[in-house]
Amino acid sequence: MNNKIIILGAGITGLAAGYASGMPVYEASDFPGGICSSYYIRPGEKKRCSQTPDDGESYRFEIGGGHWIFGGDERVSMFLENFVPLKKYARKSSVYFNQEKRFIPYPIQNNLRFFEDAVVERATTEMTKRRGKGSVRTMKAWLEKCFGPTLCELFFYPFHELYTAGLYNRIAPQDAYKSPIDLQLVLQGALKDVSPVGYNATFV
C-alpha cells in the first residue's frame, strides 16, 4: 500500500513542513501565508490585491492582525530569512487609565512604580501572598490568584470583561504566557525599569 503524504495549509507551519520534507503543500486560498499573509486595497475599492499597486496608492492589511505564531523563536526567524527580509521591532505598549489620565507601561505588574505608593504596597503584598498551590477553575479566579484584587480591579477584570465578552468568570484559565508573573521583576519594576516580557515583546 502506497501512502502519499501531503501537507494541508500553506501557512508558515505548512510551508516550513513542505520545505523541510519536500512533500507537496495544498492551500485552499489563492495565496500562501495563512494568517501571516498581507493584502492591499486601493482607496474606495473592495478588491484585494496580493501586491502593492505600481503607484503605491493602497492600504495594507494583515489577515491575522500582524501576528506571526512563534515569530519570536530565533529558529523560525532564521528559516524565514531564507525567503524574505525580516525586521524586528521592540514592543512599546502601555495601558491608558482614563480616570487618572495617564499611561502605565505594559505589563502593568512589572511597572508598578508608575502607581501611587499605596497601590504598589497592596499589589506587591497580594502577588507575594496569593501565589500558593491549588487549582482554579475560571479565568477570573486565575487572574485574582496571580495578580491579586488590586490590579484585577484596576485593569485585569475590566480588560477581560471586554476581551472575553463577559465570559472570563466562566471559561477556563488560558494564555498565562502572555503576561507572565515573575515576582523578582515585579519588585524590580516597582523601583526601576525592567526589560519587556511576554510572547510579543518583539514583533517580526
N, C-alpha and C. Protein backbone atom coordinates (compact mmCIF):
# COMPACT_ATOMS: atom_id res chain seq x y z
N MET A 1 0.84 -1.19 0.00
CA MET A 1 0.00 0.00 0.00
C MET A 1 0.88 1.24 0.00
N ASN A 2 0.65 2.12 -0.94
CA ASN A 2 1.47 3.31 -1.12
C ASN A 2 0.77 4.51 -0.49
N ASN A 3 1.22 4.93 0.69
CA ASN A 3 0.63 6.09 1.36
C ASN A 3 1.33 7.36 0.89
N LYS A 4 0.57 8.26 0.31
CA LYS A 4 1.13 9.52 -0.14
C LYS A 4 0.95 10.57 0.94
N ILE A 5 2.03 11.21 1.30
CA ILE A 5 1.98 12.25 2.33
C ILE A 5 1.78 13.60 1.66
N ILE A 6 0.80 14.33 2.14
CA ILE A 6 0.59 15.69 1.67
C ILE A 6 0.45 16.60 2.88
N ILE A 7 0.64 17.89 2.67
CA ILE A 7 0.53 18.88 3.74
C ILE A 7 -0.61 19.82 3.37
N LEU A 8 -1.57 19.92 4.29
CA LEU A 8 -2.73 20.77 4.06
C LEU A 8 -2.53 22.11 4.74
N GLY A 9 -2.55 23.17 3.96
CA GLY A 9 -2.43 24.51 4.51
C GLY A 9 -1.05 25.09 4.29
N ALA A 10 -1.00 26.21 3.58
CA ALA A 10 0.28 26.86 3.27
C ALA A 10 0.50 28.08 4.15
N GLY A 11 0.18 27.93 5.45
CA GLY A 11 0.60 28.94 6.40
C GLY A 11 2.09 28.76 6.68
N ILE A 12 2.61 29.50 7.65
CA ILE A 12 4.04 29.40 7.94
C ILE A 12 4.42 27.98 8.33
N THR A 13 3.60 27.32 9.15
CA THR A 13 3.90 25.95 9.56
C THR A 13 3.86 25.00 8.38
N GLY A 14 2.81 25.11 7.55
CA GLY A 14 2.71 24.23 6.39
C GLY A 14 3.84 24.44 5.40
N LEU A 15 4.20 25.69 5.16
CA LEU A 15 5.31 25.99 4.25
C LEU A 15 6.62 25.42 4.79
N ALA A 16 6.84 25.58 6.09
CA ALA A 16 8.07 25.05 6.70
C ALA A 16 8.10 23.54 6.60
N ALA A 17 6.96 22.88 6.85
CA ALA A 17 6.91 21.42 6.76
C ALA A 17 7.16 20.96 5.32
N GLY A 18 6.58 21.67 4.36
CA GLY A 18 6.80 21.31 2.97
C GLY A 18 8.24 21.52 2.54
N TYR A 19 8.82 22.61 2.98
CA TYR A 19 10.22 22.90 2.64
C TYR A 19 11.16 21.85 3.24
N ALA A 20 10.90 21.49 4.49
CA ALA A 20 11.79 20.55 5.18
C ALA A 20 11.62 19.13 4.66
N SER A 21 10.40 18.76 4.28
CA SER A 21 10.14 17.36 3.90
C SER A 21 10.16 17.12 2.40
N GLY A 22 9.96 18.17 1.62
CA GLY A 22 9.86 18.00 0.18
C GLY A 22 8.49 17.51 -0.28
N MET A 23 7.54 17.41 0.65
CA MET A 23 6.20 16.95 0.31
C MET A 23 5.36 18.10 -0.25
N PRO A 24 4.34 17.77 -1.06
CA PRO A 24 3.51 18.83 -1.65
C PRO A 24 2.63 19.51 -0.59
N VAL A 25 2.43 20.82 -0.78
CA VAL A 25 1.61 21.61 0.13
C VAL A 25 0.38 22.09 -0.64
N TYR A 26 -0.79 21.86 -0.08
CA TYR A 26 -2.04 22.29 -0.70
C TYR A 26 -2.66 23.42 0.11
N GLU A 27 -3.11 24.44 -0.60
CA GLU A 27 -3.69 25.62 0.05
C GLU A 27 -5.03 25.95 -0.60
N ALA A 28 -6.07 26.19 0.21
CA ALA A 28 -7.40 26.45 -0.31
C ALA A 28 -7.55 27.85 -0.89
N SER A 29 -6.81 28.82 -0.34
CA SER A 29 -6.93 30.20 -0.84
C SER A 29 -5.98 30.43 -2.00
N ASP A 30 -6.07 31.62 -2.59
CA ASP A 30 -5.27 31.92 -3.78
C ASP A 30 -3.80 32.13 -3.47
N PHE A 31 -3.49 32.50 -2.21
CA PHE A 31 -2.11 32.84 -1.89
C PHE A 31 -1.68 32.16 -0.59
N PRO A 32 -0.40 31.85 -0.46
CA PRO A 32 0.07 31.22 0.77
C PRO A 32 0.28 32.24 1.88
N GLY A 33 0.63 31.75 3.05
CA GLY A 33 0.98 32.63 4.15
C GLY A 33 0.06 32.51 5.35
N GLY A 34 -1.16 31.98 5.15
CA GLY A 34 -2.08 31.84 6.27
C GLY A 34 -2.39 33.18 6.91
N ILE A 35 -2.43 33.20 8.25
CA ILE A 35 -2.75 34.45 8.93
C ILE A 35 -1.60 35.45 8.87
N CYS A 36 -0.45 35.01 8.37
CA CYS A 36 0.69 35.93 8.25
C CYS A 36 0.70 36.67 6.92
N SER A 37 -0.18 36.31 6.00
CA SER A 37 -0.15 36.95 4.69
C SER A 37 -0.81 38.32 4.73
N SER A 38 -0.36 39.18 3.83
CA SER A 38 -0.88 40.54 3.73
C SER A 38 -1.66 40.71 2.44
N TYR A 39 -2.50 41.72 2.40
CA TYR A 39 -3.16 42.08 1.16
C TYR A 39 -3.30 43.60 1.11
N TYR A 40 -3.58 44.10 -0.08
CA TYR A 40 -3.64 45.53 -0.31
C TYR A 40 -4.99 45.89 -0.93
N ILE A 41 -5.52 47.04 -0.53
CA ILE A 41 -6.78 47.53 -1.09
C ILE A 41 -6.61 48.99 -1.47
N ARG A 42 -7.01 49.31 -2.70
CA ARG A 42 -6.96 50.70 -3.14
C ARG A 42 -8.05 51.51 -2.44
N PRO A 43 -7.82 52.78 -2.18
CA PRO A 43 -8.86 53.62 -1.56
C PRO A 43 -10.15 53.59 -2.38
N GLY A 44 -11.26 53.33 -1.71
CA GLY A 44 -12.56 53.33 -2.37
C GLY A 44 -12.91 52.04 -3.09
N GLU A 45 -12.02 51.03 -3.04
CA GLU A 45 -12.29 49.75 -3.70
C GLU A 45 -12.39 48.64 -2.66
N LYS A 46 -12.93 47.50 -3.07
CA LYS A 46 -13.06 46.35 -2.18
C LYS A 46 -12.20 45.16 -2.60
N LYS A 47 -11.72 45.18 -3.83
CA LYS A 47 -10.92 44.06 -4.33
C LYS A 47 -9.57 44.00 -3.62
N ARG A 48 -9.22 42.80 -3.16
CA ARG A 48 -7.93 42.59 -2.52
C ARG A 48 -6.85 42.33 -3.56
N CYS A 49 -5.72 42.98 -3.40
CA CYS A 49 -4.58 42.77 -4.28
C CYS A 49 -3.48 42.06 -3.49
N SER A 50 -2.77 41.17 -4.15
CA SER A 50 -1.71 40.43 -3.46
C SER A 50 -0.42 41.23 -3.37
N GLN A 51 -0.28 42.29 -4.17
CA GLN A 51 0.93 43.09 -4.15
C GLN A 51 0.58 44.57 -4.17
N THR A 52 1.52 45.39 -3.76
CA THR A 52 1.30 46.83 -3.78
C THR A 52 1.12 47.30 -5.22
N PRO A 53 0.10 48.08 -5.51
CA PRO A 53 -0.05 48.64 -6.87
C PRO A 53 1.18 49.46 -7.25
N ASP A 54 1.43 49.58 -8.54
CA ASP A 54 2.62 50.28 -9.01
C ASP A 54 2.69 51.72 -8.52
N ASP A 55 1.52 52.37 -8.38
CA ASP A 55 1.54 53.76 -7.94
C ASP A 55 1.63 53.88 -6.42
N GLY A 56 1.58 52.75 -5.70
CA GLY A 56 1.73 52.77 -4.26
C GLY A 56 0.51 53.26 -3.50
N GLU A 57 -0.58 53.56 -4.23
CA GLU A 57 -1.78 54.09 -3.60
C GLU A 57 -2.65 52.94 -3.09
N SER A 58 -2.43 52.52 -1.86
CA SER A 58 -3.21 51.42 -1.31
C SER A 58 -3.06 51.37 0.20
N TYR A 59 -3.98 50.64 0.82
CA TYR A 59 -3.88 50.34 2.24
C TYR A 59 -3.41 48.90 2.38
N ARG A 60 -2.61 48.64 3.40
CA ARG A 60 -2.11 47.28 3.63
C ARG A 60 -2.76 46.70 4.89
N PHE A 61 -3.20 45.45 4.79
CA PHE A 61 -3.81 44.76 5.92
C PHE A 61 -3.17 43.38 6.08
N GLU A 62 -3.16 42.88 7.32
CA GLU A 62 -2.71 41.52 7.58
C GLU A 62 -3.91 40.69 8.00
N ILE A 63 -4.05 39.52 7.44
CA ILE A 63 -5.20 38.67 7.74
C ILE A 63 -5.26 38.35 9.22
N GLY A 64 -4.11 38.10 9.82
CA GLY A 64 -4.08 37.74 11.24
C GLY A 64 -3.75 38.91 12.14
N GLY A 65 -3.94 40.11 11.67
CA GLY A 65 -3.66 41.26 12.51
C GLY A 65 -2.19 41.46 12.78
N GLY A 66 -1.32 40.91 11.93
CA GLY A 66 0.12 41.11 12.10
C GLY A 66 0.78 40.10 13.00
N HIS A 67 0.03 39.12 13.54
CA HIS A 67 0.63 38.14 14.43
C HIS A 67 1.33 37.05 13.63
N TRP A 68 2.53 36.75 14.02
CA TRP A 68 3.25 35.60 13.49
C TRP A 68 3.39 34.61 14.62
N ILE A 69 2.70 33.49 14.53
CA ILE A 69 2.79 32.49 15.58
C ILE A 69 4.23 31.97 15.64
N PHE A 70 4.77 31.91 16.85
CA PHE A 70 6.16 31.52 17.09
C PHE A 70 7.14 32.49 16.43
N GLY A 71 6.67 33.71 16.13
CA GLY A 71 7.54 34.68 15.46
C GLY A 71 8.73 35.08 16.29
N GLY A 72 8.66 34.89 17.62
CA GLY A 72 9.79 35.27 18.46
C GLY A 72 10.86 34.20 18.54
N ASP A 73 10.61 33.02 17.98
CA ASP A 73 11.58 31.93 18.03
C ASP A 73 12.69 32.19 17.00
N GLU A 74 13.92 32.21 17.46
CA GLU A 74 15.05 32.52 16.58
C GLU A 74 15.17 31.52 15.43
N ARG A 75 14.84 30.25 15.69
CA ARG A 75 14.96 29.24 14.63
C ARG A 75 13.96 29.51 13.51
N VAL A 76 12.74 29.93 13.89
CA VAL A 76 11.74 30.25 12.87
C VAL A 76 12.16 31.50 12.09
N SER A 77 12.68 32.50 12.81
CA SER A 77 13.13 33.71 12.13
C SER A 77 14.26 33.41 11.14
N MET A 78 15.20 32.58 11.55
CA MET A 78 16.32 32.22 10.66
C MET A 78 15.80 31.49 9.42
N PHE A 79 14.80 30.61 9.61
CA PHE A 79 14.22 29.89 8.49
C PHE A 79 13.55 30.86 7.52
N LEU A 80 12.76 31.79 8.05
CA LEU A 80 12.04 32.73 7.19
C LEU A 80 12.98 33.67 6.45
N GLU A 81 14.11 33.98 7.06
CA GLU A 81 15.07 34.88 6.42
C GLU A 81 15.69 34.27 5.16
N ASN A 82 15.51 32.97 4.96
CA ASN A 82 15.96 32.35 3.71
C ASN A 82 15.11 32.80 2.52
N PHE A 83 13.91 33.32 2.81
CA PHE A 83 12.97 33.64 1.74
C PHE A 83 12.58 35.10 1.66
N VAL A 84 12.52 35.77 2.81
CA VAL A 84 12.08 37.16 2.81
C VAL A 84 12.92 37.95 3.81
N PRO A 85 13.09 39.26 3.57
CA PRO A 85 13.76 40.09 4.57
C PRO A 85 12.85 40.29 5.78
N LEU A 86 13.42 40.29 6.96
CA LEU A 86 12.66 40.47 8.19
C LEU A 86 13.18 41.68 8.96
N LYS A 87 12.28 42.35 9.63
CA LYS A 87 12.65 43.42 10.55
C LYS A 87 12.05 43.10 11.90
N LYS A 88 12.75 43.47 12.96
CA LYS A 88 12.26 43.24 14.31
C LYS A 88 12.00 44.57 14.99
N TYR A 89 10.90 44.62 15.72
CA TYR A 89 10.53 45.83 16.42
C TYR A 89 10.26 45.49 17.88
N ALA A 90 10.85 46.25 18.77
CA ALA A 90 10.58 46.06 20.20
C ALA A 90 9.21 46.63 20.52
N ARG A 91 8.47 45.91 21.34
CA ARG A 91 7.13 46.37 21.72
C ARG A 91 7.23 47.63 22.57
N LYS A 92 6.41 48.60 22.23
CA LYS A 92 6.26 49.80 23.05
C LYS A 92 4.76 49.96 23.32
N SER A 93 4.32 49.38 24.42
CA SER A 93 2.88 49.39 24.69
C SER A 93 2.62 49.84 26.12
N SER A 94 1.43 50.35 26.33
CA SER A 94 1.05 50.82 27.65
C SER A 94 -0.46 50.75 27.79
N VAL A 95 -0.92 50.85 29.02
CA VAL A 95 -2.34 50.85 29.34
C VAL A 95 -2.71 52.27 29.74
N TYR A 96 -3.78 52.77 29.13
CA TYR A 96 -4.24 54.13 29.47
C TYR A 96 -5.33 54.05 30.52
N PHE A 97 -5.10 54.71 31.65
CA PHE A 97 -6.09 54.79 32.71
C PHE A 97 -6.80 56.13 32.59
N ASN A 98 -8.03 56.07 32.15
CA ASN A 98 -8.76 57.29 31.79
C ASN A 98 -9.00 58.20 32.98
N GLN A 99 -9.37 57.64 34.13
CA GLN A 99 -9.67 58.48 35.28
C GLN A 99 -8.44 59.24 35.77
N GLU A 100 -7.29 58.56 35.72
CA GLU A 100 -6.05 59.21 36.16
C GLU A 100 -5.38 60.01 35.04
N LYS A 101 -5.86 59.81 33.79
CA LYS A 101 -5.29 60.49 32.61
C LYS A 101 -3.79 60.22 32.48
N ARG A 102 -3.44 58.93 32.53
CA ARG A 102 -2.02 58.60 32.40
C ARG A 102 -1.85 57.21 31.80
N PHE A 103 -0.67 57.00 31.23
CA PHE A 103 -0.30 55.73 30.64
C PHE A 103 0.62 54.97 31.59
N ILE A 104 0.40 53.65 31.72
CA ILE A 104 1.28 52.79 32.50
C ILE A 104 1.87 51.76 31.53
N PRO A 105 3.20 51.66 31.43
CA PRO A 105 3.78 50.67 30.51
C PRO A 105 3.26 49.26 30.79
N TYR A 106 3.17 48.47 29.73
CA TYR A 106 2.68 47.10 29.81
C TYR A 106 3.87 46.14 29.84
N PRO A 107 3.78 45.06 30.66
CA PRO A 107 2.69 44.66 31.53
C PRO A 107 2.71 45.46 32.84
N ILE A 108 1.54 45.81 33.31
CA ILE A 108 1.47 46.73 34.45
C ILE A 108 2.06 46.13 35.72
N GLN A 109 2.02 44.81 35.87
CA GLN A 109 2.57 44.22 37.10
C GLN A 109 4.08 44.43 37.21
N ASN A 110 4.74 44.69 36.09
CA ASN A 110 6.19 44.94 36.12
C ASN A 110 6.52 46.42 36.06
N ASN A 111 5.52 47.26 36.18
CA ASN A 111 5.73 48.72 36.11
C ASN A 111 4.96 49.43 37.21
N LEU A 112 4.97 48.85 38.38
CA LEU A 112 4.19 49.41 39.49
C LEU A 112 4.69 50.78 39.94
N ARG A 113 5.93 51.16 39.59
CA ARG A 113 6.48 52.45 40.02
C ARG A 113 5.67 53.63 39.50
N PHE A 114 4.82 53.40 38.50
CA PHE A 114 4.00 54.47 37.95
C PHE A 114 2.71 54.69 38.74
N PHE A 115 2.43 53.81 39.70
CA PHE A 115 1.25 53.95 40.54
C PHE A 115 1.61 54.65 41.86
N GLU A 116 0.58 55.04 42.61
CA GLU A 116 0.79 55.61 43.93
C GLU A 116 1.37 54.56 44.86
N ASP A 117 2.05 55.03 45.91
CA ASP A 117 2.70 54.12 46.85
C ASP A 117 1.73 53.12 47.46
N ALA A 118 0.52 53.57 47.77
CA ALA A 118 -0.45 52.66 48.39
C ALA A 118 -0.81 51.50 47.46
N VAL A 119 -0.96 51.79 46.16
CA VAL A 119 -1.26 50.74 45.19
C VAL A 119 -0.09 49.78 45.07
N VAL A 120 1.13 50.33 45.03
CA VAL A 120 2.33 49.49 44.93
C VAL A 120 2.42 48.54 46.13
N GLU A 121 2.17 49.07 47.32
CA GLU A 121 2.26 48.25 48.53
C GLU A 121 1.22 47.14 48.53
N ARG A 122 -0.03 47.49 48.20
CA ARG A 122 -1.09 46.47 48.19
C ARG A 122 -0.83 45.42 47.12
N ALA A 123 -0.47 45.87 45.90
CA ALA A 123 -0.30 44.94 44.79
C ALA A 123 0.85 43.97 45.03
N THR A 124 1.99 44.48 45.49
CA THR A 124 3.13 43.59 45.73
C THR A 124 2.83 42.61 46.86
N THR A 125 2.16 43.08 47.90
CA THR A 125 1.79 42.19 49.01
C THR A 125 0.85 41.09 48.53
N GLU A 126 -0.14 41.47 47.74
CA GLU A 126 -1.11 40.49 47.24
C GLU A 126 -0.46 39.47 46.32
N MET A 127 0.38 39.93 45.40
CA MET A 127 1.02 38.99 44.48
C MET A 127 1.96 38.05 45.20
N THR A 128 2.61 38.54 46.25
CA THR A 128 3.53 37.69 47.01
C THR A 128 2.77 36.63 47.80
N LYS A 129 1.66 37.00 48.40
CA LYS A 129 0.93 36.10 49.28
C LYS A 129 0.02 35.13 48.53
N ARG A 130 -0.46 35.51 47.36
CA ARG A 130 -1.51 34.73 46.71
C ARG A 130 -0.97 33.69 45.74
N ARG A 131 0.34 33.55 45.64
CA ARG A 131 0.90 32.61 44.67
C ARG A 131 1.20 31.26 45.32
N GLY A 132 0.19 30.67 45.92
CA GLY A 132 0.36 29.36 46.51
C GLY A 132 -0.12 28.27 45.57
N LYS A 133 -0.09 27.04 46.06
CA LYS A 133 -0.57 25.92 45.26
C LYS A 133 -2.09 25.90 45.29
N GLY A 134 -2.64 25.05 44.47
CA GLY A 134 -4.09 24.96 44.40
C GLY A 134 -4.58 25.32 43.02
N SER A 135 -5.60 24.61 42.59
CA SER A 135 -6.11 24.82 41.24
C SER A 135 -7.22 25.86 41.25
N VAL A 136 -7.41 26.46 40.10
CA VAL A 136 -8.51 27.40 39.90
C VAL A 136 -9.30 26.93 38.68
N ARG A 137 -10.57 27.25 38.65
CA ARG A 137 -11.44 26.73 37.60
C ARG A 137 -11.76 27.75 36.51
N THR A 138 -11.65 29.04 36.82
CA THR A 138 -12.04 30.05 35.84
C THR A 138 -10.91 31.03 35.59
N MET A 139 -11.03 31.73 34.48
CA MET A 139 -10.07 32.77 34.14
C MET A 139 -10.05 33.86 35.21
N LYS A 140 -11.22 34.24 35.70
CA LYS A 140 -11.30 35.27 36.72
C LYS A 140 -10.58 34.84 37.99
N ALA A 141 -10.79 33.61 38.42
CA ALA A 141 -10.12 33.11 39.62
C ALA A 141 -8.61 33.05 39.42
N TRP A 142 -8.19 32.68 38.21
CA TRP A 142 -6.76 32.62 37.92
C TRP A 142 -6.13 34.01 37.97
N LEU A 143 -6.83 34.99 37.40
CA LEU A 143 -6.33 36.37 37.41
C LEU A 143 -6.14 36.86 38.84
N GLU A 144 -7.13 36.62 39.69
CA GLU A 144 -7.03 37.10 41.07
C GLU A 144 -5.92 36.38 41.82
N LYS A 145 -5.77 35.08 41.56
CA LYS A 145 -4.71 34.33 42.24
C LYS A 145 -3.34 34.85 41.83
N CYS A 146 -3.18 35.19 40.57
CA CYS A 146 -1.87 35.64 40.07
C CYS A 146 -1.57 37.09 40.42
N PHE A 147 -2.56 37.97 40.22
CA PHE A 147 -2.30 39.40 40.30
C PHE A 147 -2.87 40.07 41.55
N GLY A 148 -3.78 39.39 42.25
CA GLY A 148 -4.39 39.98 43.43
C GLY A 148 -5.52 40.93 43.08
N PRO A 149 -6.39 41.22 44.05
CA PRO A 149 -7.58 42.04 43.76
C PRO A 149 -7.28 43.47 43.35
N THR A 150 -6.18 44.05 43.83
CA THR A 150 -5.91 45.46 43.50
C THR A 150 -5.70 45.65 42.00
N LEU A 151 -4.77 44.89 41.41
CA LEU A 151 -4.52 45.03 39.97
C LEU A 151 -5.68 44.48 39.14
N CYS A 152 -6.40 43.49 39.69
CA CYS A 152 -7.55 42.98 38.97
C CYS A 152 -8.63 44.04 38.84
N GLU A 153 -8.91 44.74 39.94
CA GLU A 153 -9.94 45.78 39.89
C GLU A 153 -9.51 46.95 39.01
N LEU A 154 -8.22 47.28 39.05
CA LEU A 154 -7.71 48.40 38.25
C LEU A 154 -7.69 48.09 36.76
N PHE A 155 -7.32 46.86 36.40
CA PHE A 155 -7.08 46.57 34.98
C PHE A 155 -7.59 45.21 34.50
N PHE A 156 -7.18 44.13 35.16
CA PHE A 156 -7.40 42.80 34.57
C PHE A 156 -8.87 42.43 34.45
N TYR A 157 -9.69 42.77 35.43
CA TYR A 157 -11.12 42.48 35.31
C TYR A 157 -11.78 43.29 34.20
N PRO A 158 -11.62 44.62 34.17
CA PRO A 158 -12.25 45.38 33.07
C PRO A 158 -11.76 44.95 31.69
N PHE A 159 -10.46 44.67 31.57
CA PHE A 159 -9.93 44.24 30.27
C PHE A 159 -10.54 42.93 29.83
N HIS A 160 -10.54 41.92 30.73
CA HIS A 160 -11.04 40.61 30.34
C HIS A 160 -12.56 40.58 30.21
N GLU A 161 -13.25 41.49 30.86
CA GLU A 161 -14.69 41.62 30.64
C GLU A 161 -14.96 41.92 29.17
N LEU A 162 -14.14 42.80 28.59
CA LEU A 162 -14.28 43.13 27.17
C LEU A 162 -13.65 42.06 26.28
N TYR A 163 -12.47 41.59 26.65
CA TYR A 163 -11.70 40.65 25.83
C TYR A 163 -12.45 39.33 25.64
N THR A 164 -13.17 38.88 26.68
CA THR A 164 -13.87 37.60 26.60
C THR A 164 -15.38 37.78 26.46
N ALA A 165 -15.84 38.99 26.21
CA ALA A 165 -17.27 39.28 26.09
C ALA A 165 -18.02 38.83 27.34
N GLY A 166 -17.40 39.07 28.50
CA GLY A 166 -18.04 38.75 29.76
C GLY A 166 -17.94 37.31 30.21
N LEU A 167 -17.20 36.48 29.50
CA LEU A 167 -17.13 35.05 29.82
C LEU A 167 -15.96 34.69 30.73
N TYR A 168 -15.15 35.65 31.13
CA TYR A 168 -13.94 35.30 31.88
C TYR A 168 -14.23 34.69 33.25
N ASN A 169 -15.43 34.87 33.76
CA ASN A 169 -15.79 34.24 35.03
C ASN A 169 -16.37 32.84 34.83
N ARG A 170 -16.36 32.36 33.56
CA ARG A 170 -16.86 31.01 33.27
C ARG A 170 -15.86 30.15 32.50
N ILE A 171 -15.03 30.76 31.67
CA ILE A 171 -14.09 29.97 30.88
C ILE A 171 -12.89 29.56 31.73
N ALA A 172 -12.19 28.54 31.26
CA ALA A 172 -11.01 28.04 31.99
C ALA A 172 -9.84 29.00 31.83
N PRO A 173 -8.89 28.98 32.76
CA PRO A 173 -7.69 29.82 32.63
C PRO A 173 -6.96 29.51 31.34
N GLN A 174 -6.34 30.53 30.75
CA GLN A 174 -5.63 30.34 29.49
C GLN A 174 -4.62 31.45 29.27
N ASP A 175 -3.68 31.18 28.38
CA ASP A 175 -2.74 32.19 27.88
C ASP A 175 -1.86 32.80 28.97
N ALA A 176 -1.43 32.00 29.94
CA ALA A 176 -0.59 32.54 31.00
C ALA A 176 0.72 33.10 30.46
N TYR A 177 1.19 32.57 29.34
CA TYR A 177 2.46 33.02 28.78
C TYR A 177 2.39 34.46 28.27
N LYS A 178 1.18 34.97 28.05
CA LYS A 178 1.06 36.32 27.50
C LYS A 178 1.41 37.40 28.52
N SER A 179 1.22 37.11 29.79
CA SER A 179 1.51 38.08 30.83
C SER A 179 2.13 37.36 32.02
N PRO A 180 3.38 36.91 31.86
CA PRO A 180 3.98 36.06 32.89
C PRO A 180 4.20 36.79 34.21
N ILE A 181 4.15 36.03 35.30
CA ILE A 181 4.39 36.56 36.62
C ILE A 181 5.77 36.15 37.09
N ASP A 182 6.62 37.11 37.35
CA ASP A 182 7.95 36.88 37.91
C ASP A 182 8.09 37.87 39.07
N LEU A 183 8.01 37.36 40.29
CA LEU A 183 8.00 38.25 41.45
C LEU A 183 9.25 39.10 41.54
N GLN A 184 10.37 38.58 41.06
CA GLN A 184 11.60 39.38 41.08
C GLN A 184 11.46 40.60 40.17
N LEU A 185 10.87 40.40 38.97
CA LEU A 185 10.65 41.53 38.07
C LEU A 185 9.58 42.47 38.60
N VAL A 186 8.58 41.92 39.28
CA VAL A 186 7.54 42.76 39.88
C VAL A 186 8.17 43.72 40.89
N LEU A 187 9.03 43.19 41.76
CA LEU A 187 9.66 44.03 42.79
C LEU A 187 10.65 45.01 42.18
N GLN A 188 11.41 44.56 41.17
CA GLN A 188 12.35 45.47 40.50
C GLN A 188 11.59 46.59 39.80
N GLY A 189 10.48 46.21 39.13
CA GLY A 189 9.71 47.19 38.38
C GLY A 189 9.00 48.20 39.24
N ALA A 190 8.89 47.92 40.53
CA ALA A 190 8.31 48.89 41.44
C ALA A 190 9.28 50.04 41.71
N LEU A 191 10.57 49.83 41.35
CA LEU A 191 11.59 50.83 41.63
C LEU A 191 12.27 51.38 40.38
N LYS A 192 12.41 50.55 39.34
CA LYS A 192 13.18 50.98 38.17
C LYS A 192 12.69 50.24 36.93
N ASP A 193 13.25 50.64 35.77
CA ASP A 193 12.88 50.00 34.51
C ASP A 193 13.29 48.53 34.51
N VAL A 194 12.48 47.70 33.86
CA VAL A 194 12.81 46.30 33.65
C VAL A 194 12.58 45.97 32.18
N SER A 195 13.18 44.90 31.71
CA SER A 195 13.04 44.51 30.31
C SER A 195 11.62 44.03 30.03
N PRO A 196 11.10 44.26 28.82
CA PRO A 196 9.77 43.77 28.46
C PRO A 196 9.71 42.25 28.53
N VAL A 197 8.54 41.71 28.85
CA VAL A 197 8.34 40.27 28.90
C VAL A 197 7.07 39.92 28.16
N GLY A 198 6.88 38.63 27.93
CA GLY A 198 5.67 38.15 27.27
C GLY A 198 5.97 37.59 25.90
N TYR A 199 4.94 37.03 25.28
CA TYR A 199 5.13 36.35 24.00
C TYR A 199 5.37 37.32 22.85
N ASN A 200 5.03 38.59 23.01
CA ASN A 200 5.17 39.54 21.91
C ASN A 200 5.98 40.76 22.29
N ALA A 201 7.02 40.53 23.10
CA ALA A 201 7.91 41.65 23.44
C ALA A 201 8.66 42.14 22.20
N THR A 202 8.81 41.25 21.21
CA THR A 202 9.41 41.63 19.94
C THR A 202 8.50 41.20 18.80
N PHE A 203 8.22 42.09 17.88
CA PHE A 203 7.42 41.78 16.71
C PHE A 203 8.33 41.56 15.52
N VAL A 204 7.98 40.59 14.66
CA VAL A 204 8.74 40.33 13.44
C VAL A 204 7.85 40.64 12.26
